[in-house]
Amino acid sequence: MYRLEEETEDDWWEVEALYDLCFSPSRTALSSYRLRDGVPTVAALCLTLRDQENTLAAAIRYWPIEVGGEDALLLGPIAVHPTRQSEGLGALLINESLSEARRLGWERVLLVGDAPYYRRFGFTKLDGVEMPPPTNPDRVLGMALKSGAWDHVTGLVTKATGV
């Protein structure tokens, strides 16, 4: 049994340690991290999953961004502890957080990831949306939380200016 909760300030370093375990130590050099620098997370969408012993099993974070001047969410990172993978925890975090994002009025979500994995949640390749380099354009995926939200939204992905 897992406990799903909003990430707290006290969780920050433990979540960072999970990301370090699951990803390359050079993860913070990725272009998506430049979009996060100095920008607070969307706290209501940053979730953790803990087991009965209060051990962190998985975490997901979201950040505000702009695409061609339009507000969007940047999903990620999401990580599941290696000993807990294949239990559906990543899918649970994605589905719960996207549902909450929709409820909060967000219209569109972007991520950089593997299309075969994220397609099952409704993400598709975004044409005309440019992540800062070096990012493989085939990995720039989006999902509309409101019908038509990505229609005619193109351009450079930048830090959110309204935060």
Protein backbone atom coordinates (compact mmCIF):
# COMPACT_ATOMS: atom_id res chain seq x y z
CA MET A 1 0.00 0.00 0.00
CA TYR A 2 1.33 3.44 -0.93
CA ARG A 3 0.51 6.90 0.34
CA LEU A 4 0.13 9.61 -2.34
CA GLU A 5 0.91 13.12 -1.08
CA GLU A 6 1.91 16.54 -2.31
CA GLU A 7 5.68 16.98 -2.04
CA THR A 8 6.68 19.10 0.95
CA GLU A 9 9.72 21.25 1.53
CA ASP A 10 11.06 18.49 3.81
CA ASP A 11 10.85 16.00 0.91
CA TRP A 12 13.02 18.08 -1.46
CA TRP A 13 16.43 16.47 -0.86
CA GLU A 14 15.05 12.95 -0.65
CA VAL A 15 13.30 13.47 -4.00
CA GLU A 16 16.54 14.89 -5.43
CA ALA A 17 18.39 11.79 -4.21
CA LEU A 18 15.83 9.58 -5.97
CA TYR A 19 16.35 11.54 -9.21
CA ASP A 20 20.13 11.15 -8.81
CA LEU A 21 19.68 7.40 -8.36
CA CYS A 22 17.38 7.01 -11.38
CA PHE A 23 19.06 9.40 -13.83
CA SER A 24 22.52 10.34 -14.96
CA PRO A 25 24.49 12.54 -12.57
CA SER A 26 24.66 15.07 -15.41
CA ARG A 27 20.85 15.35 -15.56
CA THR A 28 20.94 18.96 -14.41
CA ALA A 29 22.90 19.90 -17.55
CA LEU A 30 19.87 19.11 -19.72
CA SER A 31 18.08 21.99 -21.42
CA SER A 32 14.88 21.29 -19.49
CA TYR A 33 16.73 22.21 -16.29
CA ARG A 34 17.49 25.68 -17.70
CA LEU A 35 13.71 26.20 -17.87
CA ARG A 36 13.45 25.31 -14.16
CA ASP A 37 16.30 27.48 -12.87
CA GLY A 38 14.95 30.06 -10.44
CA VAL A 39 11.34 29.10 -11.12
CA PRO A 40 9.21 27.54 -8.37
CA THR A 41 7.48 24.24 -9.06
CA VAL A 42 3.72 23.97 -9.47
CA ALA A 43 3.51 22.63 -5.91
CA ALA A 44 0.00 21.18 -6.13
CA LEU A 45 1.18 18.84 -8.91
CA CYS A 46 4.46 17.71 -7.35
CA LEU A 47 3.62 14.38 -5.78
CA THR A 48 5.35 11.65 -3.83
CA LEU A 49 4.48 8.01 -3.21
CA ARG A 50 5.66 6.44 0.04
CA ASP A 51 5.28 2.91 1.33
CA GLN A 52 4.16 1.74 4.79
CA GLU A 53 7.66 2.36 6.18
CA ASN A 54 7.58 5.93 4.81
CA THR A 55 10.23 5.08 2.20
CA LEU A 56 10.05 7.21 -0.93
CA ALA A 57 9.07 4.95 -3.83
CA ALA A 58 8.33 7.51 -6.57
CA ALA A 59 8.05 11.22 -7.27
CA ILE A 60 6.87 13.58 -10.00
CA ARG A 61 7.35 17.32 -10.45
CA TYR A 62 5.86 19.99 -12.71
CA TRP A 63 7.07 23.46 -13.65
CA PRO A 64 5.37 26.38 -15.36
CA ILE A 65 6.70 27.24 -18.83
CA GLU A 66 5.62 29.19 -21.87
CA VAL A 67 5.41 27.98 -25.45
CA GLY A 68 5.19 30.76 -27.99
CA GLY A 69 3.92 33.01 -25.20
CA GLU A 70 1.20 30.56 -24.05
CA ASP A 71 1.20 29.02 -20.56
CA ALA A 72 1.96 25.32 -20.25
CA LEU A 73 3.21 22.77 -17.77
CA LEU A 74 6.56 21.01 -18.05
CA LEU A 75 6.16 17.48 -16.68
CA GLY A 76 9.25 16.04 -15.13
CA PRO A 77 11.23 14.67 -13.79
CA ILE A 78 9.31 11.58 -12.81
CA ALA A 79 11.15 8.72 -11.14
CA VAL A 80 10.35 5.37 -9.59
CA HIS A 81 12.89 3.73 -7.29
CA PRO A 82 14.57 0.84 -9.16
CA THR A 83 13.27 -1.68 -6.61
CA ARG A 84 9.67 -0.50 -7.20
CA GLN A 85 9.62 -0.35 -11.00
CA SER A 86 7.01 -2.37 -12.94
CA GLU A 87 4.43 -1.84 -10.19
CA GLY A 88 2.55 0.88 -12.10
CA LEU A 89 3.70 3.66 -9.78
CA GLY A 90 4.82 5.94 -12.60
CA ALA A 91 1.47 5.56 -14.33
CA LEU A 92 -0.33 6.28 -11.07
CA LEU A 93 1.65 9.51 -10.56
CA ILE A 94 1.12 10.63 -14.14
CA ASN A 95 -2.61 9.93 -14.16
CA GLU A 96 -3.26 11.51 -10.75
CA SER A 97 -1.21 14.62 -11.49
CA LEU A 98 -2.73 15.14 -14.93
CA SER A 99 -6.19 14.82 -13.46
CA GLU A 100 -5.32 17.45 -10.83
CA ALA A 101 -3.75 19.73 -13.47
CA ARG A 102 -6.97 19.57 -15.47
CA ARG A 103 -9.01 20.32 -12.34
CA LEU A 104 -6.79 23.32 -11.58
CA GLY A 105 -7.44 24.75 -15.05
CA TRP A 106 -4.17 24.00 -16.84
CA GLU A 107 -4.72 23.50 -20.55
CA ARG A 108 -1.54 21.91 -21.91
CA VAL A 109 1.39 19.79 -20.77
CA LEU A 110 4.78 19.28 -22.40
CA LEU A 111 7.51 16.78 -21.63
CA VAL A 112 10.71 15.48 -23.14
CA GLY A 113 10.56 11.71 -23.21
CA ASP A 114 10.03 8.44 -25.02
CA ALA A 115 6.92 8.57 -27.20
CA PRO A 116 6.17 4.81 -26.93
CA TYR A 117 5.90 5.08 -23.13
CA TYR A 118 4.02 8.38 -22.90
CA ARG A 119 1.64 7.71 -25.81
CA ARG A 120 -0.55 5.57 -23.53
CA PHE A 121 -1.30 8.66 -21.43
CA GLY A 122 -2.29 10.72 -24.48
CA PHE A 123 1.02 12.45 -25.30
CA THR A 124 1.98 12.99 -28.93
CA LYS A 125 4.91 14.60 -30.74
CA LEU A 126 4.62 18.38 -30.89
CA ASP A 127 5.46 19.86 -34.28
CA GLY A 128 6.60 23.46 -34.31
CA VAL A 129 7.48 23.51 -30.62
CA GLU A 130 11.18 24.11 -30.01
CA MET A 131 12.90 23.12 -26.79
CA PRO A 132 16.22 24.85 -26.12
CA PRO A 133 19.10 22.83 -27.58
CA PRO A 134 20.33 20.22 -27.35
CA THR A 135 16.96 18.44 -27.39
CA ASN A 136 15.89 15.80 -29.90
CA PRO A 137 12.67 17.22 -31.44
CA ASP A 138 11.20 13.70 -31.68
CA ARG A 139 11.17 13.58 -27.86
CA VAL A 140 9.20 16.82 -27.42
CA LEU A 141 5.72 15.56 -26.55
CA GLY A 142 2.53 17.28 -25.54
CA MET A 143 -0.93 16.59 -24.23
CA ALA A 144 -3.98 18.85 -24.33
CA LEU A 145 -5.86 18.90 -21.04
CA LYS A 146 -8.52 20.99 -22.74
CA SER A 147 -9.68 20.14 -26.27
CA GLY A 148 -7.66 22.03 -28.87
CA ALA A 149 -5.24 23.51 -26.33
CA TRP A 150 -2.19 22.80 -28.52
CA ASP A 151 -3.87 23.98 -31.75
CA HIS A 152 -1.80 26.81 -33.24
CA VAL A 153 0.61 26.86 -30.28
CA THR A 154 4.13 26.87 -31.68
CA GLY A 155 7.46 28.46 -31.01
CA LEU A 156 10.23 28.40 -28.49
CA VAL A 157 9.75 26.89 -25.04
CA THR A 158 10.82 29.44 -22.42
CA LYS A 159 10.71 29.98 -18.68
CA ALA A 160 7.40 31.15 -17.32
CA THR A 161 7.40 34.93 -16.96
CA GLY A 162 4.35 35.23 -14.72
CA VAL A 163 5.97 33.64 -11.67
